[in-house]
Amino acid sequence: MSADRPNAPLRILLLGANGQLGHGLSRALPALGEVHALTRADVDLADAVQFESALRAQLHALDPHVIVN
């Protein structure tokens, strides 16, 4: 939980939500907090230019406490 907002939910950014592991994690992680699940369409690791800009935008918008890749 955030030190400045002790009752705020944990914000979790999940990359690869459509993969086998990501799919399972997208079902399990909500027990721990607020999950923002991204797919390859959102952030493509294979495209370095798109990846960096898309990830920066997501990090800025969501300000996650935890990133799961």
PDB file of N, CA and C in Angstrom:
ATOM      1  N   MET A   1       0.821  -1.167   0.000  1.00  0.00           N
ATOM      2  CA  MET A   1       0.000   0.000   0.000  1.00  0.00           C
ATOM      3  C   MET A   1       0.879   1.249   0.000  1.00  0.00           C
ATOM      4  N   SER A   2       0.365   2.296  -0.544  1.00  0.00           N
ATOM      5  CA  SER A   2       1.114   3.528  -0.660  1.00  0.00           C
ATOM      6  C   SER A   2       1.309   4.174   0.714  1.00  0.00           C
ATOM      7  N   ALA A   3       2.520   4.685   0.970  1.00  0.00           N
ATOM      8  CA  ALA A   3       2.815   5.320   2.244  1.00  0.00           C
ATOM      9  C   ALA A   3       1.983   6.585   2.441  1.00  0.00           C
ATOM     10  N   ASP A   4       1.726   7.313   1.345  1.00  0.00           N
ATOM     11  CA  ASP A   4       0.956   8.548   1.465  1.00  0.00           C
ATOM     12  C   ASP A   4      -0.547   8.285   1.513  1.00  0.00           C
ATOM     13  N   ARG A   5      -0.988   7.132   1.050  1.00  0.00           N
ATOM     14  CA  ARG A   5      -2.402   6.754   1.092  1.00  0.00           C
ATOM     15  C   ARG A   5      -2.497   5.310   1.575  1.00  0.00           C
ATOM     16  N   PRO A   6      -2.445   5.070   2.896  1.00  0.00           N
ATOM     17  CA  PRO A   6      -2.361   3.706   3.418  1.00  0.00           C
ATOM     18  C   PRO A   6      -3.522   2.801   3.023  1.00  0.00           C
ATOM     19  N   ASN A   7      -4.681   3.335   2.718  1.00  0.00           N
ATOM     20  CA  ASN A   7      -5.828   2.508   2.347  1.00  0.00           C
ATOM     21  C   ASN A   7      -5.998   2.378   0.843  1.00  0.00           C
ATOM     22  N   ALA A   8      -5.082   2.954   0.081  1.00  0.00           N
ATOM     23  CA  ALA A   8      -5.171   2.881  -1.378  1.00  0.00           C
ATOM     24  C   ALA A   8      -4.860   1.458  -1.838  1.00  0.00           C
ATOM     25  N   PRO A   9      -5.587   0.964  -2.832  1.00  0.00           N
ATOM     26  CA  PRO A   9      -5.301  -0.390  -3.318  1.00  0.00           C
ATOM     27  C   PRO A   9      -3.950  -0.446  -4.029  1.00  0.00           C
ATOM     28  N   LEU A  10      -3.334  -1.595  -3.963  1.00  0.00           N
ATOM     29  CA  LEU A  10      -2.086  -1.836  -4.668  1.00  0.00           C
ATOM     30  C   LEU A  10      -2.371  -1.815  -6.163  1.00  0.00           C
ATOM     31  N   ARG A  11      -1.641  -1.005  -6.929  1.00  0.00           N
ATOM     32  CA  ARG A  11      -1.818  -0.943  -8.382  1.00  0.00           C
ATOM     33  C   ARG A  11      -0.782  -1.860  -9.024  1.00  0.00           C
ATOM     34  N   ILE A  12      -1.272  -2.836  -9.764  1.00  0.00           N
ATOM     35  CA  ILE A  12      -0.413  -3.841 -10.392  1.00  0.00           C
ATOM     36  C   ILE A  12      -0.527  -3.711 -11.899  1.00  0.00           C
ATOM     37  N   LEU A  13       0.614  -3.566 -12.565  1.00  0.00           N
ATOM     38  CA  LEU A  13       0.658  -3.528 -14.023  1.00  0.00           C
ATOM     39  C   LEU A  13       1.132  -4.895 -14.496  1.00  0.00           C
ATOM     40  N   LEU A  14       0.285  -5.598 -15.230  1.00  0.00           N
ATOM     41  CA  LEU A  14       0.590  -6.934 -15.734  1.00  0.00           C
ATOM     42  C   LEU A  14       0.837  -6.849 -17.236  1.00  0.00           C
ATOM     43  N   LEU A  15       2.034  -7.226 -17.658  1.00  0.00           N
ATOM     44  CA  LEU A  15       2.378  -7.264 -19.082  1.00  0.00           C
ATOM     45  C   LEU A  15       2.212  -8.692 -19.587  1.00  0.00           C
ATOM     46  N   GLY A  16       1.710  -8.844 -20.801  1.00  0.00           N
ATOM     47  CA  GLY A  16       1.536 -10.174 -21.389  1.00  0.00           C
ATOM     48  C   GLY A  16       0.292 -10.882 -20.892  1.00  0.00           C
ATOM     49  N   ALA A  17      -0.781 -10.149 -20.725  1.00  0.00           N
ATOM     50  CA  ALA A  17      -2.004 -10.698 -20.143  1.00  0.00           C
ATOM     51  C   ALA A  17      -2.643 -11.811 -20.962  1.00  0.00           C
ATOM     52  N   ASN A  18      -2.366 -11.881 -22.259  1.00  0.00           N
ATOM     53  CA  ASN A  18      -2.969 -12.926 -23.087  1.00  0.00           C
ATOM     54  C   ASN A  18      -2.135 -14.206 -23.153  1.00  0.00           C
ATOM     55  N   GLY A  19      -0.932 -14.177 -22.593  1.00  0.00           N
ATOM     56  CA  GLY A  19      -0.099 -15.374 -22.565  1.00  0.00           C
ATOM     57  C   GLY A  19      -0.622 -16.362 -21.540  1.00  0.00           C
ATOM     58  N   GLN A  20      -0.050 -17.563 -21.549  1.00  0.00           N
ATOM     59  CA  GLN A  20      -0.516 -18.604 -20.628  1.00  0.00           C
ATOM     60  C   GLN A  20      -0.355 -18.172 -19.169  1.00  0.00           C
ATOM     61  N   LEU A  21       0.824 -17.716 -18.801  1.00  0.00           N
ATOM     62  CA  LEU A  21       1.057 -17.272 -17.430  1.00  0.00           C
ATOM     63  C   LEU A  21       0.284 -15.998 -17.130  1.00  0.00           C
ATOM     64  N   GLY A  22       0.310 -15.053 -18.062  1.00  0.00           N
ATOM     65  CA  GLY A  22      -0.399 -13.799 -17.868  1.00  0.00           C
ATOM     66  C   GLY A  22      -1.889 -13.995 -17.658  1.00  0.00           C
ATOM     67  N   HIS A  23      -2.465 -14.941 -18.387  1.00  0.00           N
ATOM     68  CA  HIS A  23      -3.898 -15.234 -18.248  1.00  0.00           C
ATOM     69  C   HIS A  23      -4.203 -15.709 -16.825  1.00  0.00           C
ATOM     70  N   GLY A  24      -3.372 -16.610 -16.316  1.00  0.00           N
ATOM     71  CA  GLY A  24      -3.566 -17.103 -14.954  1.00  0.00           C
ATOM     72  C   GLY A  24      -3.364 -16.007 -13.925  1.00  0.00           C
ATOM     73  N   LEU A  25      -2.337 -15.191 -14.140  1.00  0.00           N
ATOM     74  CA  LEU A  25      -2.077 -14.107 -13.203  1.00  0.00           C
ATOM     75  C   LEU A  25      -3.190 -13.062 -13.218  1.00  0.00           C
ATOM     76  N   SER A  26      -3.778 -12.833 -14.383  1.00  0.00           N
ATOM     77  CA  SER A  26      -4.864 -11.846 -14.455  1.00  0.00           C
ATOM     78  C   SER A  26      -6.077 -12.296 -13.648  1.00  0.00           C
ATOM     79  N   ARG A  27      -6.171 -13.590 -13.381  1.00  0.00           N
ATOM     80  CA  ARG A  27      -7.260 -14.110 -12.551  1.00  0.00           C
ATOM     81  C   ARG A  27      -6.886 -14.118 -11.069  1.00  0.00           C
ATOM     82  N   ALA A  28      -5.594 -14.294 -10.775  1.00  0.00           N
ATOM     83  CA  ALA A  28      -5.153 -14.421  -9.385  1.00  0.00           C
ATOM     84  C   ALA A  28      -4.809 -13.082  -8.732  1.00  0.00           C
ATOM     85  N   LEU A  29      -4.224 -12.177  -9.486  1.00  0.00           N
ATOM     86  CA  LEU A  29      -3.722 -10.934  -8.907  1.00  0.00           C
ATOM     87  C   LEU A  29      -4.779  -9.986  -8.345  1.00  0.00           C
ATOM     88  N   PRO A  30      -6.020  -9.984  -8.847  1.00  0.00           N
ATOM     89  CA  PRO A  30      -7.003  -9.066  -8.268  1.00  0.00           C
ATOM     90  C   PRO A  30      -7.214  -9.244  -6.764  1.00  0.00           C
ATOM     91  N   ALA A  31      -6.857 -10.396  -6.235  1.00  0.00           N
ATOM     92  CA  ALA A  31      -6.965 -10.599  -4.788  1.00  0.00           C
ATOM     93  C   ALA A  31      -5.994  -9.698  -4.028  1.00  0.00           C
ATOM     94  N   LEU A  32      -4.951  -9.247  -4.731  1.00  0.00           N
ATOM     95  CA  LEU A  32      -3.933  -8.408  -4.097  1.00  0.00           C
ATOM     96  C   LEU A  32      -4.126  -6.912  -4.339  1.00  0.00           C
ATOM     97  N   GLY A  33      -4.877  -6.565  -5.379  1.00  0.00           N
ATOM     98  CA  GLY A  33      -5.056  -5.150  -5.678  1.00  0.00           C
ATOM     99  C   GLY A  33      -5.697  -4.922  -7.024  1.00  0.00           C
ATOM    100  N   GLU A  34      -5.543  -3.715  -7.500  1.00  0.00           N
ATOM    101  CA  GLU A  34      -6.123  -3.247  -8.765  1.00  0.00           C
ATOM    102  C   GLU A  34      -5.178  -3.622  -9.916  1.00  0.00           C
ATOM    103  N   VAL A  35      -5.622  -4.518 -10.790  1.00  0.00           N
ATOM    104  CA  VAL A  35      -4.770  -5.027 -11.870  1.00  0.00           C
ATOM    105  C   VAL A  35      -5.080  -4.308 -13.182  1.00  0.00           C
ATOM    106  N   HIS A  36      -4.025  -3.852 -13.839  1.00  0.00           N
ATOM    107  CA  HIS A  36      -4.124  -3.275 -15.171  1.00  0.00           C
ATOM    108  C   HIS A  36      -3.363  -4.228 -16.086  1.00  0.00           C
ATOM    109  N   ALA A  37      -4.107  -5.040 -16.826  1.00  0.00           N
ATOM    110  CA  ALA A  37      -3.516  -6.090 -17.642  1.00  0.00           C
ATOM    111  C   ALA A  37      -3.349  -5.604 -19.079  1.00  0.00           C
ATOM    112  N   LEU A  38      -2.112  -5.651 -19.572  1.00  0.00           N
ATOM    113  CA  LEU A  38      -1.803  -5.218 -20.929  1.00  0.00           C
ATOM    114  C   LEU A  38      -1.424  -6.409 -21.795  1.00  0.00           C
ATOM    115  N   THR A  39      -1.777  -6.319 -23.061  1.00  0.00           N
ATOM    116  CA  THR A  39      -1.453  -7.369 -24.022  1.00  0.00           C
ATOM    117  C   THR A  39      -0.379  -6.869 -24.988  1.00  0.00           C
ATOM    118  N   ARG A  40       0.023  -7.733 -25.897  1.00  0.00           N
ATOM    119  CA  ARG A  40       1.011  -7.343 -26.913  1.00  0.00           C
ATOM    120  C   ARG A  40       0.502  -6.173 -27.751  1.00  0.00           C
ATOM    121  N   ALA A  41      -0.804  -6.108 -27.956  1.00  0.00           N
ATOM    122  CA  ALA A  41      -1.377  -4.989 -28.719  1.00  0.00           C
ATOM    123  C   ALA A  41      -1.157  -3.652 -27.997  1.00  0.00           C
ATOM    124  N   ASP A  42      -1.102  -3.700 -26.674  1.00  0.00           N
ATOM    125  CA  ASP A  42      -0.887  -2.486 -25.884  1.00  0.00           C
ATOM    126  C   ASP A  42       0.587  -2.109 -25.805  1.00  0.00           C
ATOM    127  N   VAL A  43       1.436  -3.095 -25.551  1.00  0.00           N
ATOM    128  CA  VAL A  43       2.876  -2.897 -25.379  1.00  0.00           C
ATOM    129  C   VAL A  43       3.586  -4.095 -25.992  1.00  0.00           C
ATOM    130  N   ASP A  44       4.218  -3.908 -27.157  1.00  0.00           N
ATOM    131  CA  ASP A  44       4.866  -5.004 -27.879  1.00  0.00           C
ATOM    132  C   ASP A  44       6.370  -5.007 -27.606  1.00  0.00           C
ATOM    133  N   LEU A  45       6.841  -6.002 -26.867  1.00  0.00           N
ATOM    134  CA  LEU A  45       8.266  -6.107 -26.525  1.00  0.00           C
ATOM    135  C   LEU A  45       9.151  -6.277 -27.756  1.00  0.00           C
ATOM    136  N   ALA A  46       8.595  -6.791 -28.837  1.00  0.00           N
ATOM    137  CA  ALA A  46       9.381  -7.028 -30.053  1.00  0.00           C
ATOM    138  C   ALA A  46       9.665  -5.739 -30.835  1.00  0.00           C
ATOM    139  N   ASP A  47       8.923  -4.699 -30.568  1.00  0.00           N
ATOM    140  CA  ASP A  47       9.100  -3.416 -31.256  1.00  0.00           C
ATOM    141  C   ASP A  47       9.674  -2.418 -30.250  1.00  0.00           C
ATOM    142  N   ALA A  48      11.011  -2.280 -30.240  1.00  0.00           N
ATOM    143  CA  ALA A  48      11.693  -1.485 -29.211  1.00  0.00           C
ATOM    144  C   ALA A  48      11.200  -0.043 -29.147  1.00  0.00           C
ATOM    145  N   VAL A  49      10.976   0.582 -30.279  1.00  0.00           N
ATOM    146  CA  VAL A  49      10.538   1.979 -30.290  1.00  0.00           C
ATOM    147  C   VAL A  49       9.129   2.096 -29.716  1.00  0.00           C
ATOM    148  N   GLN A  50       8.224   1.269 -30.193  1.00  0.00           N
ATOM    149  CA  GLN A  50       6.845   1.295 -29.710  1.00  0.00           C
ATOM    150  C   GLN A  50       6.806   0.893 -28.240  1.00  0.00           C
ATOM    151  N   PHE A  51       7.607  -0.094 -27.858  1.00  0.00           N
ATOM    152  CA  PHE A  51       7.602  -0.588 -26.484  1.00  0.00           C
ATOM    153  C   PHE A  51       7.945   0.522 -25.498  1.00  0.00           C
ATOM    154  N   GLU A  52       9.033   1.226 -25.762  1.00  0.00           N
ATOM    155  CA  GLU A  52       9.469   2.265 -24.825  1.00  0.00           C
ATOM    156  C   GLU A  52       8.422   3.362 -24.666  1.00  0.00           C
ATOM    157  N   SER A  53       7.897   3.860 -25.772  1.00  0.00           N
ATOM    158  CA  SER A  53       6.922   4.951 -25.677  1.00  0.00           C
ATOM    159  C   SER A  53       5.607   4.467 -25.064  1.00  0.00           C
ATOM    160  N   ALA A  54       5.166   3.275 -25.436  1.00  0.00           N
ATOM    161  CA  ALA A  54       3.908   2.752 -24.895  1.00  0.00           C
ATOM    162  C   ALA A  54       4.037   2.449 -23.404  1.00  0.00           C
ATOM    163  N   LEU A  55       5.171   1.874 -23.003  1.00  0.00           N
ATOM    164  CA  LEU A  55       5.363   1.565 -21.588  1.00  0.00           C
ATOM    165  C   LEU A  55       5.461   2.843 -20.759  1.00  0.00           C
ATOM    166  N   ARG A  56       6.183   3.830 -21.262  1.00  0.00           N
ATOM    167  CA  ARG A  56       6.274   5.103 -20.538  1.00  0.00           C
ATOM    168  C   ARG A  56       4.886   5.732 -20.350  1.00  0.00           C
ATOM    169  N   ALA A  57       4.073   5.670 -21.390  1.00  0.00           N
ATOM    170  CA  ALA A  57       2.719   6.230 -21.296  1.00  0.00           C
ATOM    171  C   ALA A  57       1.897   5.484 -20.249  1.00  0.00           C
ATOM    172  N   GLN A  58       1.997   4.160 -20.233  1.00  0.00           N
ATOM    173  CA  GLN A  58       1.250   3.369 -19.251  1.00  0.00           C
ATOM    174  C   GLN A  58       1.746   3.637 -17.837  1.00  0.00           C
ATOM    175  N   LEU A  59       3.059   3.723 -17.671  1.00  0.00           N
ATOM    176  CA  LEU A  59       3.617   3.997 -16.348  1.00  0.00           C
ATOM    177  C   LEU A  59       3.169   5.365 -15.842  1.00  0.00           C
ATOM    178  N   HIS A  60       3.158   6.338 -16.738  1.00  0.00           N
ATOM    179  CA  HIS A  60       2.724   7.689 -16.362  1.00  0.00           C
ATOM    180  C   HIS A  60       1.235   7.690 -15.998  1.00  0.00           C
ATOM    181  N   ALA A  61       0.423   7.016 -16.785  1.00  0.00           N
ATOM    182  CA  ALA A  61      -1.027   7.021 -16.563  1.00  0.00           C
ATOM    183  C   ALA A  61      -1.437   6.222 -15.327  1.00  0.00           C
ATOM    184  N   LEU A  62      -0.786   5.082 -15.100  1.00  0.00           N
ATOM    185  CA  LEU A  62      -1.229   4.180 -14.044  1.00  0.00           C
ATOM    186  C   LEU A  62      -0.453   4.319 -12.738  1.00  0.00           C
ATOM    187  N   ASP A  63       0.798   4.763 -12.813  1.00  0.00           N
ATOM    188  CA  ASP A  63       1.658   4.876 -11.635  1.00  0.00           C
ATOM    189  C   ASP A  63       1.582   3.617 -10.776  1.00  0.00           C
ATOM    190  N   PRO A  64       1.946   2.452 -11.367  1.00  0.00           N
ATOM    191  CA  PRO A  64       1.802   1.194 -10.631  1.00  0.00           C
ATOM    192  C   PRO A  64       2.800   1.054  -9.486  1.00  0.00           C
ATOM    193  N   HIS A  65       2.391   0.297  -8.466  1.00  0.00           N
ATOM    194  CA  HIS A  65       3.282  -0.049  -7.369  1.00  0.00           C
ATOM    195  C   HIS A  65       4.143  -1.246  -7.755  1.00  0.00           C
ATOM    196  N   VAL A  66       3.573  -2.138  -8.572  1.00  0.00           N
ATOM    197  CA  VAL A  66       4.227  -3.391  -8.959  1.00  0.00           C
ATOM    198  C   VAL A  66       4.053  -3.599 -10.449  1.00  0.00           C
ATOM    199  N   ILE A  67       5.121  -4.079 -11.118  1.00  0.00           N
ATOM    200  CA  ILE A  67       5.051  -4.456 -12.528  1.00  0.00           C
ATOM    201  C   ILE A  67       5.371  -5.936 -12.618  1.00  0.00           C
ATOM    202  N   VAL A  68       4.471  -6.700 -13.247  1.00  0.00           N
ATOM    203  CA  VAL A  68       4.674  -8.132 -13.449  1.00  0.00           C
ATOM    204  C   VAL A  68       4.805  -8.369 -14.937  1.00  0.00           C
ATOM    205  N   ASN A  69       5.926  -8.989 -15.340  1.00  0.00           N
ATOM    206  CA  ASN A  69       6.174  -9.258 -16.749  1.00  0.00           C
ATOM    207  C   ASN A  69       6.340 -10.750 -16.934  1.00  0.00           C
TER     208      ASN A  69
END
